[in-house]
Amino acid sequence: MLQHVSTEFQENPLIDKYVIGGFAIILSIVVVVGALVWFFNLIESIYVDYIGGKPLFRHFYFRIRDLSPK
């Protein structure tokens, strides 16, 4: 009644070349950005505790706008 169906997956060389390589690139970018953020936080905490007493970085404004005279 029911037939046994066996499916075999064939390896595709494009998967190895592009998909796995893309994941490796994205993962390495995430690791590098995370390491830079961690390093900045380390340097900032050392600066606050021993040198300046206030944060190096408080706010980031993409575009600084002046207030109108009104």
PDB file of N, CA and C in Angstrom:
ATOM      1  N   MET A   1       0.806  -1.174   0.000  1.00  0.00           N
ATOM      2  CA  MET A   1       0.000   0.000   0.000  1.00  0.00           C
ATOM      3  C   MET A   1       0.868   1.264   0.000  1.00  0.00           C
ATOM      4  N   LEU A   2       1.572   1.485   1.078  1.00  0.00           N
ATOM      5  CA  LEU A   2       2.439   2.659   1.132  1.00  0.00           C
ATOM      6  C   LEU A   2       3.817   2.276   0.624  1.00  0.00           C
ATOM      7  N   GLN A   3       4.337   3.083  -0.205  1.00  0.00           N
ATOM      8  CA  GLN A   3       5.665   2.801  -0.734  1.00  0.00           C
ATOM      9  C   GLN A   3       6.702   3.514   0.136  1.00  0.00           C
ATOM     10  N   HIS A   4       7.776   2.859   0.303  1.00  0.00           N
ATOM     11  CA  HIS A   4       8.873   3.451   1.068  1.00  0.00           C
ATOM     12  C   HIS A   4       9.663   4.361   0.139  1.00  0.00           C
ATOM     13  N   VAL A   5       9.731   5.600   0.519  1.00  0.00           N
ATOM     14  CA  VAL A   5      10.426   6.572  -0.315  1.00  0.00           C
ATOM     15  C   VAL A   5      11.701   6.969   0.409  1.00  0.00           C
ATOM     16  N   SER A   6      12.803   6.790  -0.251  1.00  0.00           N
ATOM     17  CA  SER A   6      14.063   7.226   0.339  1.00  0.00           C
ATOM     18  C   SER A   6      14.591   8.399  -0.473  1.00  0.00           C
ATOM     19  N   THR A   7      14.880   9.435   0.237  1.00  0.00           N
ATOM     20  CA  THR A   7      15.426  10.601  -0.436  1.00  0.00           C
ATOM     21  C   THR A   7      16.852  10.791   0.032  1.00  0.00           C
ATOM     22  N   GLU A   8      17.681  11.075  -0.874  1.00  0.00           N
ATOM     23  CA  GLU A   8      19.074  11.331  -0.545  1.00  0.00           C
ATOM     24  C   GLU A   8      19.395  12.755  -0.969  1.00  0.00           C
ATOM     25  N   PHE A   9      20.049  13.429  -0.078  1.00  0.00           N
ATOM     26  CA  PHE A   9      20.450  14.790  -0.375  1.00  0.00           C
ATOM     27  C   PHE A   9      21.835  14.778  -0.995  1.00  0.00           C
ATOM     28  N   GLN A  10      21.934  15.456  -2.090  1.00  0.00           N
ATOM     29  CA  GLN A  10      23.241  15.571  -2.711  1.00  0.00           C
ATOM     30  C   GLN A  10      23.873  16.869  -2.243  1.00  0.00           C
ATOM     31  N   GLU A  11      25.147  16.806  -1.991  1.00  0.00           N
ATOM     32  CA  GLU A  11      25.834  18.003  -1.544  1.00  0.00           C
ATOM     33  C   GLU A  11      25.995  18.972  -2.703  1.00  0.00           C
ATOM     34  N   ASN A  12      25.697  20.189  -2.411  1.00  0.00           N
ATOM     35  CA  ASN A  12      25.806  21.225  -3.419  1.00  0.00           C
ATOM     36  C   ASN A  12      27.058  22.044  -3.124  1.00  0.00           C
ATOM     37  N   PRO A  13      27.977  22.175  -4.055  1.00  0.00           N
ATOM     38  CA  PRO A  13      29.210  22.923  -3.768  1.00  0.00           C
ATOM     39  C   PRO A  13      28.960  24.408  -3.535  1.00  0.00           C
ATOM     40  N   LEU A  14      27.853  24.948  -4.036  1.00  0.00           N
ATOM     41  CA  LEU A  14      27.558  26.356  -3.806  1.00  0.00           C
ATOM     42  C   LEU A  14      27.247  26.631  -2.341  1.00  0.00           C
ATOM     43  N   ILE A  15      26.638  25.658  -1.672  1.00  0.00           N
ATOM     44  CA  ILE A  15      26.336  25.827  -0.250  1.00  0.00           C
ATOM     45  C   ILE A  15      27.628  25.953   0.534  1.00  0.00           C
ATOM     46  N   ASP A  16      28.570  25.096   0.253  1.00  0.00           N
ATOM     47  CA  ASP A  16      29.845  25.164   0.954  1.00  0.00           C
ATOM     48  C   ASP A  16      30.574  26.468   0.655  1.00  0.00           C
ATOM     49  N   LYS A  17      30.474  26.920  -0.575  1.00  0.00           N
ATOM     50  CA  LYS A  17      31.252  28.077  -0.984  1.00  0.00           C
ATOM     51  C   LYS A  17      30.650  29.387  -0.497  1.00  0.00           C
ATOM     52  N   TYR A  18      29.366  29.578  -0.643  1.00  0.00           N
ATOM     53  CA  TYR A  18      28.762  30.880  -0.371  1.00  0.00           C
ATOM     54  C   TYR A  18      28.038  30.968   0.963  1.00  0.00           C
ATOM     55  N   VAL A  19      27.211  30.005   1.275  1.00  0.00           N
ATOM     56  CA  VAL A  19      26.393  30.102   2.490  1.00  0.00           C
ATOM     57  C   VAL A  19      27.256  29.976   3.733  1.00  0.00           C
ATOM     58  N   ILE A  20      28.094  28.981   3.778  1.00  0.00           N
ATOM     59  CA  ILE A  20      28.950  28.797   4.956  1.00  0.00           C
ATOM     60  C   ILE A  20      29.969  29.931   5.047  1.00  0.00           C
ATOM     61  N   GLY A  21      30.480  30.380   3.914  1.00  0.00           N
ATOM     62  CA  GLY A  21      31.388  31.523   3.918  1.00  0.00           C
ATOM     63  C   GLY A  21      30.710  32.793   4.380  1.00  0.00           C
ATOM     64  N   GLY A  22      29.457  32.985   3.966  1.00  0.00           N
ATOM     65  CA  GLY A  22      28.700  34.155   4.409  1.00  0.00           C
ATOM     66  C   GLY A  22      28.448  34.131   5.904  1.00  0.00           C
ATOM     67  N   PHE A  23      28.092  32.965   6.438  1.00  0.00           N
ATOM     68  CA  PHE A  23      27.911  32.848   7.884  1.00  0.00           C
ATOM     69  C   PHE A  23      29.207  33.126   8.621  1.00  0.00           C
ATOM     70  N   ALA A  24      30.324  32.676   8.087  1.00  0.00           N
ATOM     71  CA  ALA A  24      31.611  32.922   8.727  1.00  0.00           C
ATOM     72  C   ALA A  24      31.932  34.414   8.736  1.00  0.00           C
ATOM     73  N   ILE A  25      31.647  35.098   7.654  1.00  0.00           N
ATOM     74  CA  ILE A  25      31.913  36.538   7.587  1.00  0.00           C
ATOM     75  C   ILE A  25      31.021  37.290   8.558  1.00  0.00           C
ATOM     76  N   ILE A  26      29.729  36.971   8.594  1.00  0.00           N
ATOM     77  CA  ILE A  26      28.799  37.640   9.509  1.00  0.00           C
ATOM     78  C   ILE A  26      29.181  37.370  10.956  1.00  0.00           C
ATOM     79  N   LEU A  27      29.538  36.142  11.273  1.00  0.00           N
ATOM     80  CA  LEU A  27      29.942  35.805  12.631  1.00  0.00           C
ATOM     81  C   LEU A  27      31.211  36.542  13.033  1.00  0.00           C
ATOM     82  N   SER A  28      32.163  36.643  12.122  1.00  0.00           N
ATOM     83  CA  SER A  28      33.394  37.355  12.459  1.00  0.00           C
ATOM     84  C   SER A  28      33.134  38.848  12.653  1.00  0.00           C
ATOM     85  N   ILE A  29      32.232  39.438  11.874  1.00  0.00           N
ATOM     86  CA  ILE A  29      31.892  40.851  12.061  1.00  0.00           C
ATOM     87  C   ILE A  29      31.234  41.064  13.422  1.00  0.00           C
ATOM     88  N   VAL A  30      30.332  40.172  13.803  1.00  0.00           N
ATOM     89  CA  VAL A  30      29.670  40.282  15.105  1.00  0.00           C
ATOM     90  C   VAL A  30      30.687  40.160  16.239  1.00  0.00           C
ATOM     91  N   VAL A  31      31.627  39.247  16.106  1.00  0.00           N
ATOM     92  CA  VAL A  31      32.649  39.065  17.144  1.00  0.00           C
ATOM     93  C   VAL A  31      33.545  40.289  17.239  1.00  0.00           C
ATOM     94  N   VAL A  32      33.953  40.847  16.110  1.00  0.00           N
ATOM     95  CA  VAL A  32      34.828  42.027  16.127  1.00  0.00           C
ATOM     96  C   VAL A  32      34.106  43.226  16.723  1.00  0.00           C
ATOM     97  N   VAL A  33      32.857  43.456  16.350  1.00  0.00           N
ATOM     98  CA  VAL A  33      32.097  44.582  16.913  1.00  0.00           C
ATOM     99  C   VAL A  33      31.896  44.388  18.415  1.00  0.00           C
ATOM    100  N   GLY A  34      31.585  43.184  18.831  1.00  0.00           N
ATOM    101  CA  GLY A  34      31.430  42.907  20.261  1.00  0.00           C
ATOM    102  C   GLY A  34      32.728  43.139  21.024  1.00  0.00           C
ATOM    103  N   ALA A  35      33.850  42.737  20.439  1.00  0.00           N
ATOM    104  CA  ALA A  35      35.139  42.955  21.088  1.00  0.00           C
ATOM    105  C   ALA A  35      35.465  44.445  21.185  1.00  0.00           C
ATOM    106  N   LEU A  36      35.133  45.217  20.155  1.00  0.00           N
ATOM    107  CA  LEU A  36      35.379  46.658  20.200  1.00  0.00           C
ATOM    108  C   LEU A  36      34.519  47.343  21.256  1.00  0.00           C
ATOM    109  N   VAL A  37      33.265  46.944  21.375  1.00  0.00           N
ATOM    110  CA  VAL A  37      32.385  47.516  22.405  1.00  0.00           C
ATOM    111  C   VAL A  37      32.902  47.168  23.794  1.00  0.00           C
ATOM    112  N   TRP A  38      33.309  45.918  23.976  1.00  0.00           N
ATOM    113  CA  TRP A  38      33.848  45.489  25.274  1.00  0.00           C
ATOM    114  C   TRP A  38      35.111  46.270  25.604  1.00  0.00           C
ATOM    115  N   PHE A  39      35.999  46.447  24.623  1.00  0.00           N
ATOM    116  CA  PHE A  39      37.248  47.171  24.847  1.00  0.00           C
ATOM    117  C   PHE A  39      36.970  48.640  25.183  1.00  0.00           C
ATOM    118  N   PHE A  40      36.016  49.262  24.491  1.00  0.00           N
ATOM    119  CA  PHE A  40      35.674  50.645  24.797  1.00  0.00           C
ATOM    120  C   PHE A  40      35.124  50.767  26.217  1.00  0.00           C
ATOM    121  N   ASN A  41      34.275  49.833  26.618  1.00  0.00           N
ATOM    122  CA  ASN A  41      33.736  49.868  27.985  1.00  0.00           C
ATOM    123  C   ASN A  41      34.837  49.683  29.017  1.00  0.00           C
ATOM    124  N   LEU A  42      35.818  48.850  28.718  1.00  0.00           N
ATOM    125  CA  LEU A  42      36.944  48.650  29.623  1.00  0.00           C
ATOM    126  C   LEU A  42      37.759  49.929  29.758  1.00  0.00           C
ATOM    127  N   ILE A  43      38.102  50.545  28.629  1.00  0.00           N
ATOM    128  CA  ILE A  43      38.883  51.775  28.655  1.00  0.00           C
ATOM    129  C   ILE A  43      38.102  52.891  29.358  1.00  0.00           C
ATOM    130  N   GLU A  44      36.808  52.987  29.096  1.00  0.00           N
ATOM    131  CA  GLU A  44      36.005  54.023  29.724  1.00  0.00           C
ATOM    132  C   GLU A  44      35.918  53.831  31.236  1.00  0.00           C
ATOM    133  N   SER A  45      35.778  52.599  31.690  1.00  0.00           N
ATOM    134  CA  SER A  45      35.697  52.374  33.139  1.00  0.00           C
ATOM    135  C   SER A  45      37.024  52.686  33.815  1.00  0.00           C
ATOM    136  N   ILE A  46      38.138  52.386  33.162  1.00  0.00           N
ATOM    137  CA  ILE A  46      39.443  52.740  33.726  1.00  0.00           C
ATOM    138  C   ILE A  46      39.589  54.255  33.775  1.00  0.00           C
ATOM    139  N   TYR A  47      39.162  54.945  32.710  1.00  0.00           N
ATOM    140  CA  TYR A  47      39.247  56.406  32.674  1.00  0.00           C
ATOM    141  C   TYR A  47      38.387  57.038  33.768  1.00  0.00           C
ATOM    142  N   VAL A  48      37.174  56.521  33.951  1.00  0.00           N
ATOM    143  CA  VAL A  48      36.270  57.083  34.970  1.00  0.00           C
ATOM    144  C   VAL A  48      36.835  56.847  36.364  1.00  0.00           C
ATOM    145  N   ASP A  49      37.356  55.660  36.625  1.00  0.00           N
ATOM    146  CA  ASP A  49      37.817  55.329  37.972  1.00  0.00           C
ATOM    147  C   ASP A  49      39.125  56.014  38.346  1.00  0.00           C
ATOM    148  N   TYR A  50      40.053  56.145  37.415  1.00  0.00           N
ATOM    149  CA  TYR A  50      41.401  56.572  37.790  1.00  0.00           C
ATOM    150  C   TYR A  50      41.849  57.905  37.204  1.00  0.00           C
ATOM    151  N   ILE A  51      41.263  58.372  36.121  1.00  0.00           N
ATOM    152  CA  ILE A  51      41.818  59.551  35.450  1.00  0.00           C
ATOM    153  C   ILE A  51      40.855  60.737  35.500  1.00  0.00           C
ATOM    154  N   GLY A  52      39.721  60.618  34.839  1.00  0.00           N
ATOM    155  CA  GLY A  52      38.893  61.797  34.618  1.00  0.00           C
ATOM    156  C   GLY A  52      37.754  61.984  35.590  1.00  0.00           C
ATOM    157  N   GLY A  53      37.173  60.917  36.042  1.00  0.00           N
ATOM    158  CA  GLY A  53      36.039  61.007  36.940  1.00  0.00           C
ATOM    159  C   GLY A  53      34.699  61.203  36.252  1.00  0.00           C
ATOM    160  N   LYS A  54      34.676  61.343  34.941  1.00  0.00           N
ATOM    161  CA  LYS A  54      33.420  61.461  34.210  1.00  0.00           C
ATOM    162  C   LYS A  54      33.527  60.612  32.937  1.00  0.00           C
ATOM    163  N   PRO A  55      32.388  60.206  32.386  1.00  0.00           N
ATOM    164  CA  PRO A  55      32.422  59.307  31.227  1.00  0.00           C
ATOM    165  C   PRO A  55      33.043  59.958  29.992  1.00  0.00           C
ATOM    166  N   LEU A  56      33.677  59.150  29.186  1.00  0.00           N
ATOM    167  CA  LEU A  56      34.222  59.611  27.915  1.00  0.00           C
ATOM    168  C   LEU A  56      33.112  59.904  26.920  1.00  0.00           C
ATOM    169  N   PHE A  57      32.063  59.150  26.998  1.00  0.00           N
ATOM    170  CA  PHE A  57      31.016  59.174  25.990  1.00  0.00           C
ATOM    171  C   PHE A  57      29.686  59.118  26.695  1.00  0.00           C
ATOM    172  N   ARG A  58      28.819  60.066  26.412  1.00  0.00           N
ATOM    173  CA  ARG A  58      27.523  60.071  27.069  1.00  0.00           C
ATOM    174  C   ARG A  58      26.387  59.910  26.083  1.00  0.00           C
ATOM    175  N   HIS A  59      26.345  60.694  25.051  1.00  0.00           N
ATOM    176  CA  HIS A  59      25.291  60.623  24.048  1.00  0.00           C
ATOM    177  C   HIS A  59      25.916  60.695  22.669  1.00  0.00           C
ATOM    178  N   PHE A  60      25.234  60.111  21.722  1.00  0.00           N
ATOM    179  CA  PHE A  60      25.660  60.231  20.331  1.00  0.00           C
ATOM    180  C   PHE A  60      24.503  60.804  19.536  1.00  0.00           C
ATOM    181  N   TYR A  61      24.731  61.922  18.893  1.00  0.00           N
ATOM    182  CA  TYR A  61      23.725  62.561  18.082  1.00  0.00           C
ATOM    183  C   TYR A  61      24.113  62.390  16.609  1.00  0.00           C
ATOM    184  N   PHE A  62      23.211  61.854  15.815  1.00  0.00           N
ATOM    185  CA  PHE A  62      23.488  61.670  14.401  1.00  0.00           C
ATOM    186  C   PHE A  62      23.598  63.009  13.685  1.00  0.00           C
ATOM    187  N   ARG A  63      22.725  63.924  14.048  1.00  0.00           N
ATOM    188  CA  ARG A  63      22.722  65.235  13.418  1.00  0.00           C
ATOM    189  C   ARG A  63      22.398  66.265  14.489  1.00  0.00           C
ATOM    190  N   ILE A  64      23.264  67.218  14.677  1.00  0.00           N
ATOM    191  CA  ILE A  64      23.041  68.250  15.681  1.00  0.00           C
ATOM    192  C   ILE A  64      22.237  69.371  15.026  1.00  0.00           C
ATOM    193  N   ARG A  65      21.103  69.695  15.635  1.00  0.00           N
ATOM    194  CA  ARG A  65      20.240  70.743  15.101  1.00  0.00           C
ATOM    195  C   ARG A  65      20.204  71.904  16.088  1.00  0.00           C
ATOM    196  N   ASP A  66      20.222  73.102  15.558  1.00  0.00           N
ATOM    197  CA  ASP A  66      20.106  74.301  16.387  1.00  0.00           C
ATOM    198  C   ASP A  66      18.643  74.610  16.661  1.00  0.00           C
ATOM    199  N   LEU A  67      18.401  75.207  17.807  1.00  0.00           N
ATOM    200  CA  LEU A  67      17.045  75.612  18.130  1.00  0.00           C
ATOM    201  C   LEU A  67      16.694  76.884  17.379  1.00  0.00           C
ATOM    202  N   SER A  68      15.467  76.966  16.969  1.00  0.00           N
ATOM    203  CA  SER A  68      15.009  78.177  16.285  1.00  0.00           C
ATOM    204  C   SER A  68      14.802  79.283  17.343  1.00  0.00           C
ATOM    205  N   PRO A  69      14.803  80.551  16.917  1.00  0.00           N
ATOM    206  CA  PRO A  69      14.606  81.640  17.881  1.00  0.00           C
ATOM    207  C   PRO A  69      13.238  81.598  18.562  1.00  0.00           C
ATOM    208  N   LYS A  70      12.278  80.914  17.995  1.00  0.00           N
ATOM    209  CA  LYS A  70      10.940  80.825  18.611  1.00  0.00           C
ATOM    210  C   LYS A  70      11.047  80.006  19.855  1.00  0.00           C
TER     211      LYS A  70
END
